[in-house]
Amino acid sequence: MESIKIEFGTSNLGRIMFYTKVLTGDFKSTKDVEFKLDSGSDFTTISCESLYDLGYSDEFLKKCPFHHDEASAAGTNTMPLQYISNVSIKFGDRELQGCRIFFALGTKLRSLFGTDILKYFNWDINYDKGIFRLTETEVKPQLSRGEEQPIQIYSLESLIQLKS
């Protein structure tokens, strides 16, 4: 399968930042969310601000399940993380489906693209061209507790053909 190609910019610290569309199972609208590539983060997270932009309320988010472990993200103290499942992340004509995305209410946790998704890809970065490329591996996605994580990758063009 062809690689997923993501164009990026860098922040003032040289961190890779890119926009991608996020669609959740609870809401039928997609929104562009800026993610920071963080190969040191165990979890792909989304900021509460972005969740509010997607249409989530505090009341709904408070009812979301918690991850069993506490996590430290981007140099912060450990914090319990909640998650939303059945999330799709779209990069141009490609889509990752069935992802979990984590958040922490009451914090300034940013949207980070972490190793929970990255570990299922070979990836490389071309800083000169501003391209971050993901290529699928043969590794079957697993959650930390041994459950299978249902990440699927589709070409949006083939999805459109299937529906018509």
Protein backbone atom coordinates (compact mmCIF):
# COMPACT_ATOMS: atom_id res chain seq x y z
CA MET A 1 0.00 0.00 0.00
CA GLU A 2 1.18 3.49 -0.80
CA SER A 3 2.55 5.63 2.04
CA ILE A 4 0.49 8.27 3.79
CA LYS A 5 2.14 11.59 3.00
CA ILE A 6 1.61 14.47 5.43
CA GLU A 7 2.90 17.97 4.80
CA PHE A 8 4.04 19.82 7.91
CA GLY A 9 5.40 23.05 9.28
CA THR A 10 7.56 23.61 12.33
CA SER A 11 6.97 25.66 15.43
CA ASN A 12 9.55 28.01 16.87
CA LEU A 13 11.11 25.00 18.65
CA GLY A 14 11.48 23.06 15.39
CA ARG A 15 8.66 20.70 16.37
CA ILE A 16 6.71 19.09 13.53
CA MET A 17 3.16 20.44 13.40
CA PHE A 18 0.51 19.31 10.92
CA TYR A 19 -3.22 19.62 10.42
CA THR A 20 -5.50 16.66 9.94
CA LYS A 21 -9.25 16.16 9.91
CA VAL A 22 -10.75 14.42 12.93
CA LEU A 23 -14.14 12.70 12.80
CA THR A 24 -15.58 10.95 15.84
CA GLY A 25 -18.34 8.36 16.04
CA ASP A 26 -20.47 10.72 18.12
CA PHE A 27 -20.48 13.68 15.74
CA LYS A 28 -20.79 13.66 11.99
CA SER A 29 -18.77 16.81 11.31
CA THR A 30 -15.04 16.82 10.72
CA LYS A 31 -12.71 19.53 11.97
CA ASP A 32 -9.11 20.35 11.20
CA VAL A 33 -6.99 19.78 14.29
CA GLU A 34 -3.34 20.77 14.60
CA PHE A 35 -1.22 17.92 15.97
CA LYS A 36 2.35 18.03 17.19
CA LEU A 37 4.36 14.93 16.31
CA ASP A 38 5.62 13.56 19.63
CA SER A 39 7.45 10.25 19.25
CA GLY A 40 8.05 10.32 23.02
CA SER A 41 4.34 10.40 23.89
CA ASP A 42 2.71 7.02 24.57
CA PHE A 43 -0.71 8.28 23.51
CA THR A 44 -2.26 10.30 20.71
CA THR A 45 -4.08 13.08 22.52
CA ILE A 46 -6.42 15.90 21.62
CA SER A 47 -6.81 19.20 23.42
CA CYS A 48 -10.08 19.92 25.20
CA GLU A 49 -10.36 23.07 23.09
CA SER A 50 -10.39 20.90 19.95
CA LEU A 51 -12.96 18.57 21.52
CA TYR A 52 -15.22 21.55 22.21
CA ASP A 53 -14.76 22.64 18.57
CA LEU A 54 -15.90 19.13 17.52
CA GLY A 55 -19.11 19.66 19.50
CA TYR A 56 -18.39 17.84 22.76
CA SER A 57 -19.70 19.20 26.06
CA ASP A 58 -18.09 18.88 29.49
CA GLU A 59 -21.03 16.71 30.56
CA PHE A 60 -20.39 14.21 27.76
CA LEU A 61 -16.61 14.20 28.24
CA LYS A 62 -16.89 13.55 31.98
CA LYS A 63 -18.69 10.28 31.16
CA CYS A 64 -15.95 8.99 28.81
CA PRO A 65 -13.97 5.95 29.99
CA PHE A 66 -10.59 6.32 31.67
CA HIS A 67 -7.43 4.61 30.50
CA HIS A 68 -6.13 2.22 33.17
CA ASP A 69 -2.69 3.81 33.48
CA GLU A 70 -1.70 7.36 34.28
CA ALA A 71 0.45 9.08 31.70
CA SER A 72 2.95 11.87 31.56
CA ALA A 73 2.75 13.96 28.42
CA ALA A 74 5.00 16.74 27.17
CA GLY A 75 6.88 17.19 30.43
CA THR A 76 3.78 17.48 32.62
CA ASN A 77 3.04 15.63 35.83
CA THR A 78 1.28 12.30 35.49
CA MET A 79 -2.41 12.60 34.87
CA PRO A 80 -5.32 10.22 34.33
CA LEU A 81 -6.40 10.15 30.71
CA GLN A 82 -9.87 9.60 29.36
CA TYR A 83 -10.50 8.55 25.78
CA ILE A 84 -12.94 8.63 22.91
CA SER A 85 -12.99 5.56 20.69
CA ASN A 86 -14.07 5.05 17.09
CA VAL A 87 -12.20 8.14 15.89
CA SER A 88 -11.16 8.64 12.26
CA ILE A 89 -8.13 10.73 11.39
CA LYS A 90 -7.92 11.87 7.76
CA PHE A 91 -4.78 12.89 5.89
CA GLY A 92 -5.75 14.15 2.44
CA ASP A 93 -7.12 11.11 0.61
CA ARG A 94 -6.27 8.60 3.37
CA GLU A 95 -8.03 7.76 6.61
CA LEU A 96 -7.12 5.92 9.82
CA GLN A 97 -10.32 4.48 11.27
CA GLY A 98 -11.13 2.98 14.67
CA CYS A 99 -8.51 4.95 16.60
CA ARG A 100 -8.64 5.92 20.26
CA ILE A 101 -7.81 9.50 21.09
CA PHE A 102 -7.04 10.56 24.65
CA PHE A 103 -7.71 13.78 26.55
CA ALA A 104 -7.44 15.16 30.08
CA LEU A 105 -10.18 17.48 31.28
CA GLY A 106 -9.02 20.50 33.25
CA THR A 107 -5.53 20.53 31.70
CA LYS A 108 -3.81 22.35 28.87
CA LEU A 109 -2.80 19.06 27.23
CA ARG A 110 -2.13 19.67 23.55
CA SER A 111 -3.01 17.59 20.54
CA LEU A 112 -0.09 15.16 20.23
CA PHE A 113 0.40 12.44 17.62
CA GLY A 114 2.00 9.67 19.69
CA THR A 115 3.45 6.19 19.53
CA ASP A 116 0.15 4.38 20.11
CA ILE A 117 -0.48 5.04 16.40
CA LEU A 118 3.09 5.59 15.18
CA LYS A 119 4.29 2.12 16.23
CA TYR A 120 2.19 0.50 13.49
CA PHE A 121 4.05 2.36 10.78
CA ASN A 122 7.50 2.79 9.40
CA TRP A 123 7.91 6.53 9.25
CA ASP A 124 10.39 9.02 7.96
CA ILE A 125 10.69 12.77 7.86
CA ASN A 126 12.05 14.93 5.06
CA TYR A 127 12.67 18.28 6.75
CA ASP A 128 13.82 19.97 3.53
CA LYS A 129 10.53 19.22 1.74
CA GLY A 130 8.37 19.39 4.88
CA ILE A 131 7.01 15.85 4.43
CA PHE A 132 6.23 13.28 7.13
CA ARG A 133 5.55 9.83 5.61
CA LEU A 134 3.83 6.81 7.22
CA THR A 135 4.04 3.32 5.69
CA GLU A 136 2.14 0.37 7.18
CA THR A 137 4.05 -2.44 8.89
CA GLU A 138 3.03 -6.07 9.37
CA VAL A 139 2.52 -5.49 13.12
CA LYS A 140 -1.08 -6.04 14.25
CA PRO A 141 -2.23 -3.11 16.43
CA GLN A 142 -2.48 -4.07 20.13
CA LEU A 143 -3.61 -2.08 23.15
CA SER A 144 -1.44 -2.13 26.25
CA ARG A 145 -3.69 -4.77 27.87
CA GLY A 146 -3.40 -7.14 24.88
CA GLU A 147 -6.69 -6.21 23.20
CA GLU A 148 -6.61 -5.69 19.47
CA GLN A 149 -6.86 -2.07 18.41
CA PRO A 150 -9.05 -1.79 15.28
CA ILE A 151 -7.04 0.74 13.30
CA GLN A 152 -7.81 0.40 9.61
CA ILE A 153 -6.39 2.46 6.78
CA TYR A 154 -8.47 3.30 3.75
CA SER A 155 -8.13 5.31 0.62
CA LEU A 156 -11.01 7.77 0.61
CA GLU A 157 -11.31 7.25 -3.15
CA SER A 158 -11.94 3.50 -2.68
CA LEU A 159 -14.50 4.23 0.08
CA ILE A 160 -16.43 6.49 -2.32
CA GLN A 161 -16.39 3.75 -4.97
CA LEU A 162 -17.69 1.18 -2.47
CA LYS A 163 -20.61 3.39 -1.47
CA SER A 164 -21.76 4.14 -5.04
